[in-house]
Amino acid sequence: MKILKLTAENVKKLKAVEITPTGELVEITGKNGAGKSSVLDSLWWALAGTKHIQAVPIRKGATTARIRLDLGELIVERRFTEAGSTLFVSNADGARYPSPQGMLDALLGALTFDPLGFVNQAPAEQFKTL
């Protein structure tokens, strides 16, 4: 699964950004305060759930924010208001998943790897993990 496009509006320092990766590596560069961390947070907040979202995710001066992540077979969209956030996950045909965070949690669990957890495992458990 690859990120085909990230769109974020009014997230932290970002007014609006659209990133469409064209290769295997995407460099996010810029001066301090330009929004590099805001881009990375947008990716994480779109996928990881509300417990990872900071107290004030909306850019100062805005009342709403939005993150949209196109993963090809999935579209993930998180919208923010002052009351909180709402998550929508749909397939490429537009059908929405009834438990969007549960579906993403299962997906992230299948794709993530905790190197410190791996190092702390017994050799037999490391072999099983690999």
Protein backbone atom coordinates (compact mmCIF):
# COMPACT_ATOMS: atom_id res chain seq x y z
CA MET A 1 0.00 0.00 0.00
CA LYS A 2 1.35 3.40 -1.01
CA ILE A 3 0.32 6.97 -0.39
CA LEU A 4 -0.90 8.30 -3.72
CA LYS A 5 -1.86 11.75 -2.45
CA LEU A 6 -1.97 13.71 0.80
CA THR A 7 -4.09 16.83 1.09
CA ALA A 8 -4.16 18.82 4.33
CA GLU A 9 -5.86 22.11 5.08
CA ASN A 10 -5.52 24.23 8.23
CA VAL A 11 -3.58 21.57 10.14
CA LYS A 12 -1.16 23.09 12.67
CA LYS A 13 1.11 25.39 10.60
CA LEU A 14 -0.35 24.37 7.24
CA LYS A 15 -2.77 26.56 5.36
CA ALA A 16 -3.00 24.04 2.52
CA VAL A 17 -0.70 21.39 1.12
CA GLU A 18 -1.04 18.70 -1.51
CA ILE A 19 1.66 16.10 -1.94
CA THR A 20 1.53 13.53 -4.74
CA PRO A 21 4.55 11.24 -4.49
CA THR A 22 6.12 10.35 -7.81
CA GLY A 23 8.78 7.93 -6.61
CA GLU A 24 9.84 5.77 -3.71
CA LEU A 25 11.20 8.65 -1.63
CA VAL A 26 9.59 11.98 -0.74
CA GLU A 27 11.75 14.68 0.80
CA ILE A 28 9.96 17.10 3.10
CA THR A 29 12.26 20.07 3.49
CA GLY A 30 11.99 23.72 4.45
CA LYS A 31 12.90 26.35 6.99
CA ASN A 32 11.96 26.12 10.66
CA GLY A 33 8.26 26.80 11.10
CA ALA A 34 7.44 26.01 7.46
CA GLY A 35 5.18 23.05 8.33
CA LYS A 36 7.36 19.94 7.89
CA SER A 37 6.19 18.46 11.20
CA SER A 38 2.63 19.45 10.34
CA VAL A 39 2.84 17.29 7.20
CA LEU A 40 4.13 14.31 9.17
CA ASP A 41 1.53 14.83 11.90
CA SER A 42 -1.17 14.96 9.22
CA LEU A 43 -0.16 11.52 7.99
CA TRP A 44 -0.11 10.09 11.50
CA TRP A 45 -3.37 11.73 12.58
CA ALA A 46 -5.17 10.49 9.49
CA LEU A 47 -4.28 6.90 10.37
CA ALA A 48 -3.52 6.47 14.06
CA GLY A 49 -6.62 7.66 15.91
CA THR A 50 -7.67 10.47 18.20
CA LYS A 51 -5.41 9.57 21.12
CA HIS A 52 -2.43 10.70 19.04
CA ILE A 53 -3.89 14.09 18.03
CA GLN A 54 -2.58 17.08 19.95
CA ALA A 55 -4.94 19.37 21.85
CA VAL A 56 -5.05 22.07 19.14
CA PRO A 57 -4.75 20.49 15.68
CA ILE A 58 -6.46 23.39 13.84
CA ARG A 59 -4.30 26.22 12.48
CA LYS A 60 -4.56 29.45 14.46
CA GLY A 61 -7.25 31.64 12.92
CA ALA A 62 -9.16 28.75 11.29
CA THR A 63 -12.25 26.99 12.64
CA THR A 64 -11.97 23.72 10.72
CA ALA A 65 -9.23 21.50 9.33
CA ARG A 66 -9.15 18.51 7.01
CA ILE A 67 -6.72 15.74 6.11
CA ARG A 68 -7.36 13.49 3.11
CA LEU A 69 -5.12 10.54 2.37
CA ASP A 70 -5.51 8.59 -0.88
CA LEU A 71 -4.08 5.10 -0.46
CA GLY A 72 -5.40 3.76 -3.77
CA GLU A 73 -7.86 1.17 -2.56
CA LEU A 74 -8.72 3.30 0.49
CA ILE A 75 -9.50 6.97 1.01
CA VAL A 76 -9.00 8.23 4.58
CA GLU A 77 -10.38 11.60 5.58
CA ARG A 78 -10.27 13.20 9.01
CA ARG A 79 -12.12 16.47 9.61
CA PHE A 80 -11.55 18.67 12.61
CA THR A 81 -13.80 21.22 14.28
CA GLU A 82 -13.49 22.87 17.65
CA ALA A 83 -15.71 20.06 19.00
CA GLY A 84 -13.32 17.29 17.90
CA SER A 85 -12.57 15.16 14.86
CA THR A 86 -14.53 12.87 12.57
CA LEU A 87 -12.98 10.03 10.59
CA PHE A 88 -14.26 8.64 7.29
CA VAL A 89 -12.74 5.66 5.47
CA SER A 90 -14.08 4.56 2.13
CA ASN A 91 -13.00 2.22 -0.63
CA ALA A 92 -12.18 3.40 -4.15
CA ASP A 93 -15.84 3.00 -5.15
CA GLY A 94 -16.99 5.31 -2.34
CA ALA A 95 -18.45 2.70 0.03
CA ARG A 96 -17.79 3.78 3.64
CA TYR A 97 -16.55 1.48 6.38
CA PRO A 98 -18.87 1.45 9.44
CA SER A 99 -15.96 1.22 11.92
CA PRO A 100 -13.26 3.33 10.24
CA GLN A 101 -10.73 3.46 13.08
CA GLY A 102 -11.01 -0.26 13.74
CA MET A 103 -10.30 -0.95 10.08
CA LEU A 104 -7.28 1.39 10.11
CA ASP A 105 -5.98 -0.09 13.38
CA ALA A 106 -6.04 -3.55 11.79
CA LEU A 107 -4.28 -2.21 8.70
CA LEU A 108 -1.59 -0.38 10.72
CA GLY A 109 -1.04 -3.44 12.89
CA ALA A 110 -0.32 -5.49 9.79
CA LEU A 111 2.09 -2.90 8.36
CA THR A 112 4.03 -1.63 11.39
CA PHE A 113 7.14 -2.95 13.03
CA ASP A 114 8.43 -1.97 16.50
CA PRO A 115 12.23 -2.34 16.45
CA LEU A 116 12.63 -1.92 20.22
CA GLY A 117 9.92 -4.47 20.87
CA PHE A 118 11.66 -6.85 18.47
CA VAL A 119 15.05 -6.43 20.19
CA ASN A 120 13.47 -7.19 23.57
CA GLN A 121 11.89 -10.45 22.33
CA ALA A 122 13.36 -13.85 23.02
CA PRO A 123 15.16 -15.35 19.98
CA ALA A 124 12.32 -17.82 19.33
CA GLU A 125 9.79 -14.97 19.40
CA GLN A 126 11.98 -12.91 17.03
CA PHE A 127 12.01 -15.83 14.62
CA LYS A 128 8.22 -16.10 14.82
CA THR A 129 7.87 -12.34 14.19
CA LEU A 130 10.09 -12.51 11.11
